[in-house]
Amino acid sequence: MPPDIQPIPRPEWSPLPFEGCYHVEGKVLLRLPHLSLALLRFAPGGTIHEHPADIDIDVICLEGHGRTSVGGVAAELHSSEHVRWPAGLAHRLWTEDSQMITLMVEHRPGAPDLPNG
């Protein structure tokens, strides 16, 4: 049987379609019932508005640097670092005079357990 090859949901960079998001483009790479993956590209002065989510989200900084806040506490986020945004806590991500590319990992409820290895 041949591999089940599927197109990615949103392969081209496009502006985030949410009010309060500026100078940020995204690509949706994977959307499954238990997991979603997206790349976000921040220009200088880019921001995702502060908001809570009902799921846990891991933000992995792949290139550049910026800032994040979780529950009102801000910190710098640099390439090769990641931060977890726990469900229910307001969070935000932004750049000031830098650029940044992040991988967003959204963990959906009911995700299957994966074997260690």
PDB file of N, CA and C in Angstrom:
ATOM      1  N   MET A   1       0.848  -1.167   0.000  1.00  0.00           N
ATOM      2  CA  MET A   1       0.000   0.000   0.000  1.00  0.00           C
ATOM      3  C   MET A   1       0.904   1.244   0.000  1.00  0.00           C
ATOM      4  N   PRO A   2       0.604   2.225  -0.851  1.00  0.00           N
ATOM      5  CA  PRO A   2       1.425   3.439  -0.906  1.00  0.00           C
ATOM      6  C   PRO A   2       1.219   4.308   0.334  1.00  0.00           C
ATOM      7  N   PRO A   3       2.193   5.158   0.646  1.00  0.00           N
ATOM      8  CA  PRO A   3       2.033   6.074   1.785  1.00  0.00           C
ATOM      9  C   PRO A   3       0.828   6.989   1.575  1.00  0.00           C
ATOM     10  N   ASP A   4       0.176   7.367   2.663  1.00  0.00           N
ATOM     11  CA  ASP A   4      -0.968   8.265   2.625  1.00  0.00           C
ATOM     12  C   ASP A   4      -0.453   9.706   2.676  1.00  0.00           C
ATOM     13  N   ILE A   5      -0.131  10.275   1.544  1.00  0.00           N
ATOM     14  CA  ILE A   5       0.429  11.620   1.463  1.00  0.00           C
ATOM     15  C   ILE A   5      -0.711  12.618   1.307  1.00  0.00           C
ATOM     16  N   GLN A   6      -0.727  13.613   2.195  1.00  0.00           N
ATOM     17  CA  GLN A   6      -1.788  14.617   2.228  1.00  0.00           C
ATOM     18  C   GLN A   6      -1.183  16.009   2.081  1.00  0.00           C
ATOM     19  N   PRO A   7      -1.912  16.966   1.523  1.00  0.00           N
ATOM     20  CA  PRO A   7      -1.411  18.348   1.495  1.00  0.00           C
ATOM     21  C   PRO A   7      -1.472  18.947   2.895  1.00  0.00           C
ATOM     22  N   ILE A   8      -0.598  19.925   3.152  1.00  0.00           N
ATOM     23  CA  ILE A   8      -0.677  20.607   4.440  1.00  0.00           C
ATOM     24  C   ILE A   8      -1.814  21.634   4.364  1.00  0.00           C
ATOM     25  N   PRO A   9      -2.442  21.952   5.508  1.00  0.00           N
ATOM     26  CA  PRO A   9      -3.638  22.804   5.485  1.00  0.00           C
ATOM     27  C   PRO A   9      -3.434  24.202   4.904  1.00  0.00           C
ATOM     28  N   ARG A  10      -2.360  24.887   5.263  1.00  0.00           N
ATOM     29  CA  ARG A  10      -2.137  26.242   4.751  1.00  0.00           C
ATOM     30  C   ARG A  10      -0.645  26.399   4.478  1.00  0.00           C
ATOM     31  N   PRO A  11      -0.179  26.034   3.270  1.00  0.00           N
ATOM     32  CA  PRO A  11       1.253  25.977   2.989  1.00  0.00           C
ATOM     33  C   PRO A  11       1.923  27.325   2.735  1.00  0.00           C
ATOM     34  N   GLU A  12       1.168  28.347   2.426  1.00  0.00           N
ATOM     35  CA  GLU A  12       1.751  29.653   2.099  1.00  0.00           C
ATOM     36  C   GLU A  12       1.704  30.573   3.303  1.00  0.00           C
ATOM     37  N   TRP A  13       2.705  31.436   3.433  1.00  0.00           N
ATOM     38  CA  TRP A  13       2.683  32.455   4.482  1.00  0.00           C
ATOM     39  C   TRP A  13       1.494  33.382   4.239  1.00  0.00           C
ATOM     40  N   SER A  14       0.717  33.634   5.272  1.00  0.00           N
ATOM     41  CA  SER A  14      -0.392  34.576   5.162  1.00  0.00           C
ATOM     42  C   SER A  14      -0.575  35.271   6.507  1.00  0.00           C
ATOM     43  N   PRO A  15      -1.047  36.517   6.495  1.00  0.00           N
ATOM     44  CA  PRO A  15      -1.236  37.250   7.759  1.00  0.00           C
ATOM     45  C   PRO A  15      -2.205  36.517   8.683  1.00  0.00           C
ATOM     46  N   LEU A  16      -1.944  36.596   9.986  1.00  0.00           N
ATOM     47  CA  LEU A  16      -2.869  35.982  10.938  1.00  0.00           C
ATOM     48  C   LEU A  16      -4.207  36.708  10.869  1.00  0.00           C
ATOM     49  N   PRO A  17      -5.299  35.961  10.832  1.00  0.00           N
ATOM     50  CA  PRO A  17      -6.618  36.580  10.620  1.00  0.00           C
ATOM     51  C   PRO A  17      -7.327  36.994  11.903  1.00  0.00           C
ATOM     52  N   PHE A  18      -6.578  37.351  12.943  1.00  0.00           N
ATOM     53  CA  PHE A  18      -7.202  37.677  14.223  1.00  0.00           C
ATOM     54  C   PHE A  18      -7.007  39.153  14.556  1.00  0.00           C
ATOM     55  N   GLU A  19      -8.051  39.779  15.090  1.00  0.00           N
ATOM     56  CA  GLU A  19      -7.953  41.163  15.530  1.00  0.00           C
ATOM     57  C   GLU A  19      -6.890  41.260  16.621  1.00  0.00           C
ATOM     58  N   GLY A  20      -6.057  42.274  16.545  1.00  0.00           N
ATOM     59  CA  GLY A  20      -5.003  42.456  17.532  1.00  0.00           C
ATOM     60  C   GLY A  20      -3.691  41.802  17.163  1.00  0.00           C
ATOM     61  N   CYS A  21      -3.637  41.116  16.026  1.00  0.00           N
ATOM     62  CA  CYS A  21      -2.395  40.514  15.537  1.00  0.00           C
ATOM     63  C   CYS A  21      -1.850  41.381  14.412  1.00  0.00           C
ATOM     64  N   TYR A  22      -0.585  41.818  14.559  1.00  0.00           N
ATOM     65  CA  TYR A  22       0.015  42.707  13.576  1.00  0.00           C
ATOM     66  C   TYR A  22       1.410  42.226  13.206  1.00  0.00           C
ATOM     67  N   HIS A  23       1.727  42.306  11.931  1.00  0.00           N
ATOM     68  CA  HIS A  23       3.063  41.989  11.412  1.00  0.00           C
ATOM     69  C   HIS A  23       3.482  40.556  11.738  1.00  0.00           C
ATOM     70  N   VAL A  24       2.498  39.632  11.703  1.00  0.00           N
ATOM     71  CA  VAL A  24       2.768  38.219  11.934  1.00  0.00           C
ATOM     72  C   VAL A  24       2.107  37.431  10.814  1.00  0.00           C
ATOM     73  N   GLU A  25       2.886  36.541  10.195  1.00  0.00           N
ATOM     74  CA  GLU A  25       2.367  35.646   9.160  1.00  0.00           C
ATOM     75  C   GLU A  25       2.485  34.211   9.651  1.00  0.00           C
ATOM     76  N   GLY A  26       1.608  33.353   9.150  1.00  0.00           N
ATOM     77  CA  GLY A  26       1.633  31.967   9.584  1.00  0.00           C
ATOM     78  C   GLY A  26       1.432  30.987   8.458  1.00  0.00           C
ATOM     79  N   LYS A  27       1.841  29.750   8.732  1.00  0.00           N
ATOM     80  CA  LYS A  27       1.578  28.582   7.887  1.00  0.00           C
ATOM     81  C   LYS A  27       1.049  27.498   8.820  1.00  0.00           C
ATOM     82  N   VAL A  28      -0.055  26.873   8.462  1.00  0.00           N
ATOM     83  CA  VAL A  28      -0.564  25.738   9.234  1.00  0.00           C
ATOM     84  C   VAL A  28      -0.020  24.477   8.573  1.00  0.00           C
ATOM     85  N   LEU A  29       0.805  23.731   9.323  1.00  0.00           N
ATOM     86  CA  LEU A  29       1.482  22.564   8.773  1.00  0.00           C
ATOM     87  C   LEU A  29       0.711  21.266   8.972  1.00  0.00           C
ATOM     88  N   LEU A  30       0.011  21.166  10.106  1.00  0.00           N
ATOM     89  CA  LEU A  30      -0.664  19.916  10.446  1.00  0.00           C
ATOM     90  C   LEU A  30      -1.853  20.232  11.331  1.00  0.00           C
ATOM     91  N   ARG A  31      -2.987  19.605  11.039  1.00  0.00           N
ATOM     92  CA  ARG A  31      -4.175  19.770  11.867  1.00  0.00           C
ATOM     93  C   ARG A  31      -4.801  18.389  12.045  1.00  0.00           C
ATOM     94  N   LEU A  32      -4.622  17.833  13.237  1.00  0.00           N
ATOM     95  CA  LEU A  32      -5.175  16.527  13.594  1.00  0.00           C
ATOM     96  C   LEU A  32      -6.105  16.718  14.791  1.00  0.00           C
ATOM     97  N   PRO A  33      -6.949  15.731  15.096  1.00  0.00           N
ATOM     98  CA  PRO A  33      -7.844  15.891  16.239  1.00  0.00           C
ATOM     99  C   PRO A  33      -7.106  16.163  17.556  1.00  0.00           C
ATOM    100  N   HIS A  34      -5.912  15.618  17.737  1.00  0.00           N
ATOM    101  CA  HIS A  34      -5.194  15.738  19.000  1.00  0.00           C
ATOM    102  C   HIS A  34      -3.991  16.694  18.954  1.00  0.00           C
ATOM    103  N   LEU A  35      -3.657  17.234  17.762  1.00  0.00           N
ATOM    104  CA  LEU A  35      -2.437  18.021  17.634  1.00  0.00           C
ATOM    105  C   LEU A  35      -2.515  18.938  16.416  1.00  0.00           C
ATOM    106  N   SER A  36      -2.053  20.186  16.585  1.00  0.00           N
ATOM    107  CA  SER A  36      -1.916  21.104  15.452  1.00  0.00           C
ATOM    108  C   SER A  36      -0.525  21.717  15.504  1.00  0.00           C
ATOM    109  N   LEU A  37       0.071  21.927  14.315  1.00  0.00           N
ATOM    110  CA  LEU A  37       1.395  22.547  14.196  1.00  0.00           C
ATOM    111  C   LEU A  37       1.300  23.718  13.238  1.00  0.00           C
ATOM    112  N   ALA A  38       1.912  24.836  13.617  1.00  0.00           N
ATOM    113  CA  ALA A  38       1.924  26.010  12.752  1.00  0.00           C
ATOM    114  C   ALA A  38       3.249  26.743  12.919  1.00  0.00           C
ATOM    115  N   LEU A  39       3.726  27.326  11.829  1.00  0.00           N
ATOM    116  CA  LEU A  39       4.875  28.224  11.872  1.00  0.00           C
ATOM    117  C   LEU A  39       4.361  29.647  11.915  1.00  0.00           C
ATOM    118  N   LEU A  40       4.981  30.496  12.735  1.00  0.00           N
ATOM    119  CA  LEU A  40       4.652  31.910  12.777  1.00  0.00           C
ATOM    120  C   LEU A  40       5.922  32.708  12.511  1.00  0.00           C
ATOM    121  N   ARG A  41       5.805  33.722  11.671  1.00  0.00           N
ATOM    122  CA  ARG A  41       6.936  34.578  11.318  1.00  0.00           C
ATOM    123  C   ARG A  41       6.606  36.006  11.745  1.00  0.00           C
ATOM    124  N   PHE A  42       7.396  36.531  12.675  1.00  0.00           N
ATOM    125  CA  PHE A  42       7.196  37.865  13.239  1.00  0.00           C
ATOM    126  C   PHE A  42       8.169  38.846  12.605  1.00  0.00           C
ATOM    127  N   ALA A  43       7.655  39.937  12.070  1.00  0.00           N
ATOM    128  CA  ALA A  43       8.481  41.062  11.646  1.00  0.00           C
ATOM    129  C   ALA A  43       8.755  41.913  12.883  1.00  0.00           C
ATOM    130  N   PRO A  44       9.696  42.857  12.805  1.00  0.00           N
ATOM    131  CA  PRO A  44       9.860  43.780  13.930  1.00  0.00           C
ATOM    132  C   PRO A  44       8.522  44.463  14.247  1.00  0.00           C
ATOM    133  N   GLY A  45       8.209  44.550  15.523  1.00  0.00           N
ATOM    134  CA  GLY A  45       6.934  45.138  15.940  1.00  0.00           C
ATOM    135  C   GLY A  45       5.755  44.199  15.770  1.00  0.00           C
ATOM    136  N   GLY A  46       6.019  42.911  15.538  1.00  0.00           N
ATOM    137  CA  GLY A  46       4.942  41.938  15.387  1.00  0.00           C
ATOM    138  C   GLY A  46       4.350  41.565  16.738  1.00  0.00           C
ATOM    139  N   THR A  47       3.060  41.284  16.758  1.00  0.00           N
ATOM    140  CA  THR A  47       2.426  40.905  18.020  1.00  0.00           C
ATOM    141  C   THR A  47       1.221  39.995  17.802  1.00  0.00           C
ATOM    142  N   ILE A  48       1.046  39.099  18.730  1.00  0.00           N
ATOM    143  CA  ILE A  48      -0.189  38.326  18.887  1.00  0.00           C
ATOM    144  C   ILE A  48      -0.825  38.867  20.162  1.00  0.00           C
ATOM    145  N   HIS A  49      -2.053  39.310  20.072  1.00  0.00           N
ATOM    146  CA  HIS A  49      -2.743  39.905  21.215  1.00  0.00           C
ATOM    147  C   HIS A  49      -2.804  38.942  22.401  1.00  0.00           C
ATOM    148  N   GLU A  50      -2.923  39.511  23.593  1.00  0.00           N
ATOM    149  CA  GLU A  50      -3.027  38.687  24.795  1.00  0.00           C
ATOM    150  C   GLU A  50      -4.406  38.046  24.858  1.00  0.00           C
ATOM    151  N   HIS A  51      -4.414  36.738  25.072  1.00  0.00           N
ATOM    152  CA  HIS A  51      -5.668  35.994  25.152  1.00  0.00           C
ATOM    153  C   HIS A  51      -5.411  34.633  25.803  1.00  0.00           C
ATOM    154  N   PRO A  52      -6.416  34.022  26.409  1.00  0.00           N
ATOM    155  CA  PRO A  52      -6.276  32.658  26.919  1.00  0.00           C
ATOM    156  C   PRO A  52      -6.689  31.661  25.837  1.00  0.00           C
ATOM    157  N   ALA A  53      -6.322  30.417  26.032  1.00  0.00           N
ATOM    158  CA  ALA A  53      -6.770  29.325  25.166  1.00  0.00           C
ATOM    159  C   ALA A  53      -7.247  28.192  26.066  1.00  0.00           C
ATOM    160  N   ASP A  54      -8.086  27.342  25.538  1.00  0.00           N
ATOM    161  CA  ASP A  54      -8.603  26.230  26.340  1.00  0.00           C
ATOM    162  C   ASP A  54      -7.755  24.968  26.195  1.00  0.00           C
ATOM    163  N   ILE A  55      -6.577  25.100  25.587  1.00  0.00           N
ATOM    164  CA  ILE A  55      -5.660  23.972  25.390  1.00  0.00           C
ATOM    165  C   ILE A  55      -4.249  24.405  25.777  1.00  0.00           C
ATOM    166  N   ASP A  56      -3.372  23.444  26.063  1.00  0.00           N
ATOM    167  CA  ASP A  56      -1.950  23.730  26.268  1.00  0.00           C
ATOM    168  C   ASP A  56      -1.300  23.970  24.916  1.00  0.00           C
ATOM    169  N   ILE A  57      -0.378  24.940  24.869  1.00  0.00           N
ATOM    170  CA  ILE A  57       0.347  25.263  23.642  1.00  0.00           C
ATOM    171  C   ILE A  57       1.823  25.390  23.981  1.00  0.00           C
ATOM    172  N   ASP A  58       2.676  24.725  23.201  1.00  0.00           N
ATOM    173  CA  ASP A  58       4.115  24.905  23.299  1.00  0.00           C
ATOM    174  C   ASP A  58       4.554  25.810  22.164  1.00  0.00           C
ATOM    175  N   VAL A  59       5.379  26.813  22.494  1.00  0.00           N
ATOM    176  CA  VAL A  59       5.928  27.739  21.516  1.00  0.00           C
ATOM    177  C   VAL A  59       7.428  27.496  21.472  1.00  0.00           C
ATOM    178  N   ILE A  60       7.940  27.119  20.302  1.00  0.00           N
ATOM    179  CA  ILE A  60       9.355  26.829  20.129  1.00  0.00           C
ATOM    180  C   ILE A  60       9.944  27.896  19.220  1.00  0.00           C
ATOM    181  N   CYS A  61      10.921  28.635  19.734  1.00  0.00           N
ATOM    182  CA  CYS A  61      11.566  29.677  18.939  1.00  0.00           C
ATOM    183  C   CYS A  61      12.636  29.019  18.067  1.00  0.00           C
ATOM    184  N   LEU A  62      12.454  29.088  16.759  1.00  0.00           N
ATOM    185  CA  LEU A  62      13.375  28.459  15.820  1.00  0.00           C
ATOM    186  C   LEU A  62      14.462  29.422  15.348  1.00  0.00           C
ATOM    187  N   GLU A  63      14.098  30.687  15.175  1.00  0.00           N
ATOM    188  CA  GLU A  63      15.044  31.702  14.706  1.00  0.00           C
ATOM    189  C   GLU A  63      14.721  33.035  15.358  1.00  0.00           C
ATOM    190  N   GLY A  64      15.758  33.821  15.626  1.00  0.00           N
ATOM    191  CA  GLY A  64      15.574  35.168  16.146  1.00  0.00           C
ATOM    192  C   GLY A  64      15.222  35.176  17.618  1.00  0.00           C
ATOM    193  N   HIS A  65      14.537  36.226  18.037  1.00  0.00           N
ATOM    194  CA  HIS A  65      14.108  36.341  19.428  1.00  0.00           C
ATOM    195  C   HIS A  65      12.959  37.337  19.540  1.00  0.00           C
ATOM    196  N   GLY A  66      12.259  37.219  20.651  1.00  0.00           N
ATOM    197  CA  GLY A  66      11.134  38.097  20.932  1.00  0.00           C
ATOM    198  C   GLY A  66      10.799  38.021  22.394  1.00  0.00           C
ATOM    199  N   ARG A  67       9.545  38.270  22.702  1.00  0.00           N
ATOM    200  CA  ARG A  67       9.091  38.251  24.088  1.00  0.00           C
ATOM    201  C   ARG A  67       7.770  37.475  24.170  1.00  0.00           C
ATOM    202  N   THR A  68       7.529  36.921  25.333  1.00  0.00           N
ATOM    203  CA  THR A  68       6.277  36.226  25.604  1.00  0.00           C
ATOM    204  C   THR A  68       5.806  36.615  26.989  1.00  0.00           C
ATOM    205  N   SER A  69       4.524  36.484  27.221  1.00  0.00           N
ATOM    206  CA  SER A  69       4.004  36.629  28.581  1.00  0.00           C
ATOM    207  C   SER A  69       3.020  35.493  28.817  1.00  0.00           C
ATOM    208  N   VAL A  70       3.011  35.033  30.049  1.00  0.00           N
ATOM    209  CA  VAL A  70       2.096  33.974  30.480  1.00  0.00           C
ATOM    210  C   VAL A  70       1.529  34.410  31.823  1.00  0.00           C
ATOM    211  N   GLY A  71       0.226  34.543  31.886  1.00  0.00           N
ATOM    212  CA  GLY A  71      -0.403  34.972  33.123  1.00  0.00           C
ATOM    213  C   GLY A  71       0.077  36.340  33.589  1.00  0.00           C
ATOM    214  N   GLY A  72       0.433  37.211  32.632  1.00  0.00           N
ATOM    215  CA  GLY A  72       0.862  38.567  32.959  1.00  0.00           C
ATOM    216  C   GLY A  72       2.338  38.717  33.280  1.00  0.00           C
ATOM    217  N   VAL A  73       3.116  37.627  33.263  1.00  0.00           N
ATOM    218  CA  VAL A  73       4.552  37.681  33.539  1.00  0.00           C
ATOM    219  C   VAL A  73       5.301  37.563  32.216  1.00  0.00           C
ATOM    220  N   ALA A  74       6.109  38.587  31.885  1.00  0.00           N
ATOM    221  CA  ALA A  74       6.811  38.639  30.598  1.00  0.00           C
ATOM    222  C   ALA A  74       8.238  38.132  30.734  1.00  0.00           C
ATOM    223  N   ALA A  75       8.758  37.583  29.615  1.00  0.00           N
ATOM    224  CA  ALA A  75      10.139  37.100  29.558  1.00  0.00           C
ATOM    225  C   ALA A  75      10.603  37.121  28.105  1.00  0.00           C
ATOM    226  N   GLU A  76      11.918  37.146  27.922  1.00  0.00           N
ATOM    227  CA  GLU A  76      12.480  37.041  26.583  1.00  0.00           C
ATOM    228  C   GLU A  76      12.447  35.589  26.131  1.00  0.00           C
ATOM    229  N   LEU A  77      12.312  35.393  24.826  1.00  0.00           N
ATOM    230  CA  LEU A  77      12.319  34.067  24.220  1.00  0.00           C
ATOM    231  C   LEU A  77      13.311  34.107  23.069  1.00  0.00           C
ATOM    232  N   HIS A  78      14.313  33.228  23.105  1.00  0.00           N
ATOM    233  CA  HIS A  78      15.387  33.211  22.113  1.00  0.00           C
ATOM    234  C   HIS A  78      15.376  31.919  21.312  1.00  0.00           C
ATOM    235  N   SER A  79      16.057  31.961  20.176  1.00  0.00           N
ATOM    236  CA  SER A  79      16.222  30.775  19.343  1.00  0.00           C
ATOM    237  C   SER A  79      16.728  29.614  20.207  1.00  0.00           C
ATOM    238  N   SER A  80      16.202  28.435  19.978  1.00  0.00           N
ATOM    239  CA  SER A  80      16.543  27.198  20.697  1.00  0.00           C
ATOM    240  C   SER A  80      15.907  27.124  22.087  1.00  0.00           C
ATOM    241  N   GLU A  81      14.922  27.991  22.373  1.00  0.00           N
ATOM    242  CA  GLU A  81      14.190  27.919  23.637  1.00  0.00           C
ATOM    243  C   GLU A  81      12.708  27.687  23.344  1.00  0.00           C
ATOM    244  N   HIS A  82      12.002  27.181  24.349  1.00  0.00           N
ATOM    245  CA  HIS A  82      10.554  27.033  24.191  1.00  0.00           C
ATOM    246  C   HIS A  82       9.853  27.397  25.490  1.00  0.00           C
ATOM    247  N   VAL A  83       8.582  27.703  25.363  1.00  0.00           N
ATOM    248  CA  VAL A  83       7.758  28.043  26.510  1.00  0.00           C
ATOM    249  C   VAL A  83       6.421  27.326  26.365  1.00  0.00           C
ATOM    250  N   ARG A  84       5.858  26.927  27.485  1.00  0.00           N
ATOM    251  CA  ARG A  84       4.515  26.325  27.480  1.00  0.00           C
ATOM    252  C   ARG A  84       3.512  27.364  27.949  1.00  0.00           C
ATOM    253  N   TRP A  85       2.433  27.483  27.191  1.00  0.00           N
ATOM    254  CA  TRP A  85       1.298  28.305  27.590  1.00  0.00           C
ATOM    255  C   TRP A  85       0.227  27.343  28.115  1.00  0.00           C
ATOM    256  N   PRO A  86       0.048  27.249  29.433  1.00  0.00           N
ATOM    257  CA  PRO A  86      -0.958  26.330  29.968  1.00  0.00           C
ATOM    258  C   PRO A  86      -2.382  26.787  29.617  1.00  0.00           C
ATOM    259  N   ALA A  87      -3.249  25.817  29.452  1.00  0.00           N
ATOM    260  CA  ALA A  87      -4.663  26.110  29.169  1.00  0.00           C
ATOM    261  C   ALA A  87      -5.222  27.035  30.240  1.00  0.00           C
ATOM    262  N   GLY A  88      -6.014  28.015  29.800  1.00  0.00           N
ATOM    263  CA  GLY A  88      -6.706  28.906  30.709  1.00  0.00           C
ATOM    264  C   GLY A  88      -5.951  30.155  31.107  1.00  0.00           C
ATOM    265  N   LEU A  89      -4.629  30.208  30.874  1.00  0.00           N
ATOM    266  CA  LEU A  89      -3.858  31.403  31.235  1.00  0.00           C
ATOM    267  C   LEU A  89      -3.699  32.311  30.009  1.00  0.00           C
ATOM    268  N   ALA A  90      -3.883  33.605  30.227  1.00  0.00           N
ATOM    269  CA  ALA A  90      -3.677  34.554  29.135  1.00  0.00           C
ATOM    270  C   ALA A  90      -2.203  34.536  28.732  1.00  0.00           C
ATOM    271  N   HIS A  91      -1.958  34.601  27.431  1.00  0.00           N
ATOM    272  CA  HIS A  91      -0.592  34.585  26.912  1.00  0.00           C
ATOM    273  C   HIS A  91      -0.484  35.549  25.739  1.00  0.00           C
ATOM    274  N   ARG A  92       0.745  35.910  25.432  1.00  0.00           N
ATOM    275  CA  ARG A  92       1.023  36.841  24.348  1.00  0.00           C
ATOM    276  C   ARG A  92       2.413  36.550  23.817  1.00  0.00           C
ATOM    277  N   LEU A  93       2.647  36.911  22.543  1.00  0.00           N
ATOM    278  CA  LEU A  93       3.950  36.731  21.906  1.00  0.00           C
ATOM    279  C   LEU A  93       4.190  37.939  21.024  1.00  0.00           C
ATOM    280  N   TRP A  94       5.412  38.536  21.089  1.00  0.00           N
ATOM    281  CA  TRP A  94       5.666  39.728  20.288  1.00  0.00           C
ATOM    282  C   TRP A  94       7.161  39.937  20.080  1.00  0.00           C
ATOM    283  N   THR A  95       7.454  40.794  19.120  1.00  0.00           N
ATOM    284  CA  THR A  95       8.819  41.258  18.886  1.00  0.00           C
ATOM    285  C   THR A  95       8.830  42.770  19.018  1.00  0.00           C
ATOM    286  N   GLU A  96       9.986  43.295  19.321  1.00  0.00           N
ATOM    287  CA  GLU A  96      10.148  44.745  19.364  1.00  0.00           C
ATOM    288  C   GLU A  96      10.946  45.166  18.133  1.00  0.00           C
ATOM    289  N   ASP A  97      12.273  45.147  18.195  1.00  0.00           N
ATOM    290  CA  ASP A  97      13.084  45.523  17.035  1.00  0.00           C
ATOM    291  C   ASP A  97      13.742  44.319  16.372  1.00  0.00           C
ATOM    292  N   SER A  98      13.251  43.128  16.656  1.00  0.00           N
ATOM    293  CA  SER A  98      13.831  41.895  16.115  1.00  0.00           C
ATOM    294  C   SER A  98      12.817  41.154  15.248  1.00  0.00           C
ATOM    295  N   GLN A  99      13.291  40.086  14.634  1.00  0.00           N
ATOM    296  CA  GLN A  99      12.436  39.165  13.894  1.00  0.00           C
ATOM    297  C   GLN A  99      12.460  37.822  14.620  1.00  0.00           C
ATOM    298  N   MET A 100      11.455  36.992  14.354  1.00  0.00           N
ATOM    299  CA  MET A 100      11.396  35.701  15.030  1.00  0.00           C
ATOM    300  C   MET A 100      10.530  34.742  14.218  1.00  0.00           C
ATOM    301  N   ILE A 101      10.936  33.467  14.215  1.00  0.00           N
ATOM    302  CA  ILE A 101      10.112  32.392  13.653  1.00  0.00           C
ATOM    303  C   ILE A 101       9.889  31.377  14.759  1.00  0.00           C
ATOM    304  N   THR A 102       8.620  31.006  14.964  1.00  0.00           N
ATOM    305  CA  THR A 102       8.280  30.037  16.005  1.00  0.00           C
ATOM    306  C   THR A 102       7.485  28.879  15.421  1.00  0.00           C
ATOM    307  N   LEU A 103       7.564  27.754  16.106  1.00  0.00           N
ATOM    308  CA  LEU A 103       6.716  26.607  15.830  1.00  0.00           C
ATOM    309  C   LEU A 103       5.720  26.527  16.975  1.00  0.00           C
ATOM    310  N   MET A 104       4.439  26.561  16.648  1.00  0.00           N
ATOM    311  CA  MET A 104       3.374  26.468  17.641  1.00  0.00           C
ATOM    312  C   MET A 104       2.850  25.032  17.648  1.00  0.00           C
ATOM    313  N   VAL A 105       2.830  24.422  18.827  1.00  0.00           N
ATOM    314  CA  VAL A 105       2.354  23.052  18.988  1.00  0.00           C
ATOM    315  C   VAL A 105       1.135  23.100  19.895  1.00  0.00           C
ATOM    316  N   GLU A 106      -0.033  22.891  19.330  1.00  0.00           N
ATOM    317  CA  GLU A 106      -1.279  22.914  20.095  1.00  0.00           C
ATOM    318  C   GLU A 106      -1.662  21.484  20.460  1.00  0.00           C
ATOM    319  N   HIS A 107      -1.809  21.245  21.761  1.00  0.00           N
ATOM    320  CA  HIS A 107      -2.156  19.915  22.273  1.00  0.00           C
ATOM    321  C   HIS A 107      -3.657  19.864  22.521  1.00  0.00           C
ATOM    322  N   ARG A 108      -4.348  19.056  21.761  1.00  0.00           N
ATOM    323  CA  ARG A 108      -5.797  18.946  21.881  1.00  0.00           C
ATOM    324  C   ARG A 108      -6.177  17.926  22.945  1.00  0.00           C
ATOM    325  N   PRO A 109      -7.274  18.170  23.663  1.00  0.00           N
ATOM    326  CA  PRO A 109      -7.712  17.183  24.673  1.00  0.00           C
ATOM    327  C   PRO A 109      -7.944  15.815  24.046  1.00  0.00           C
ATOM    328  N   GLY A 110      -7.663  14.788  24.836  1.00  0.00           N
ATOM    329  CA  GLY A 110      -7.872  13.425  24.366  1.00  0.00           C
ATOM    330  C   GLY A 110      -6.762  12.921  23.463  1.00  0.00           C
ATOM    331  N   ALA A 111      -5.583  13.587  23.497  1.00  0.00           N
ATOM    332  CA  ALA A 111      -4.462  13.137  22.673  1.00  0.00           C
ATOM    333  C   ALA A 111      -4.042  11.737  23.114  1.00  0.00           C
ATOM    334  N   PRO A 112      -3.763  10.875  22.158  1.00  0.00           N
ATOM    335  CA  PRO A 112      -3.353   9.511  22.527  1.00  0.00           C
ATOM    336  C   PRO A 112      -1.980   9.527  23.183  1.00  0.00           C
ATOM    337  N   ASP A 113      -1.758   8.593  24.104  1.00  0.00           N
ATOM    338  CA  ASP A 113      -0.442   8.443  24.719  1.00  0.00           C
ATOM    339  C   ASP A 113       0.511   7.879  23.680  1.00  0.00           C
ATOM    340  N   LEU A 114       1.718   8.427  23.649  1.00  0.00           N
ATOM    341  CA  LEU A 114       2.732   7.939  22.723  1.00  0.00           C
ATOM    342  C   LEU A 114       3.748   7.123  23.505  1.00  0.00           C
ATOM    343  N   PRO A 115       4.245   6.040  22.915  1.00  0.00           N
ATOM    344  CA  PRO A 115       5.251   5.240  23.611  1.00  0.00           C
ATOM    345  C   PRO A 115       6.549   6.031  23.747  1.00  0.00           C
ATOM    346  N   ASN A 116       7.288   5.779  24.820  1.00  0.00           N
ATOM    347  CA  ASN A 116       8.599   6.413  24.985  1.00  0.00           C
ATOM    348  C   ASN A 116       9.577   5.792  24.007  1.00  0.00           C
ATOM    349  N   GLY A 117      10.509   6.611  23.547  1.00  0.00           N
ATOM    350  CA  GLY A 117      11.485   6.017  22.651  1.00  0.00           C
ATOM    351  C   GLY A 117      12.047   6.957  21.751  1.00  0.00           C
TER     352      GLY A 117
END
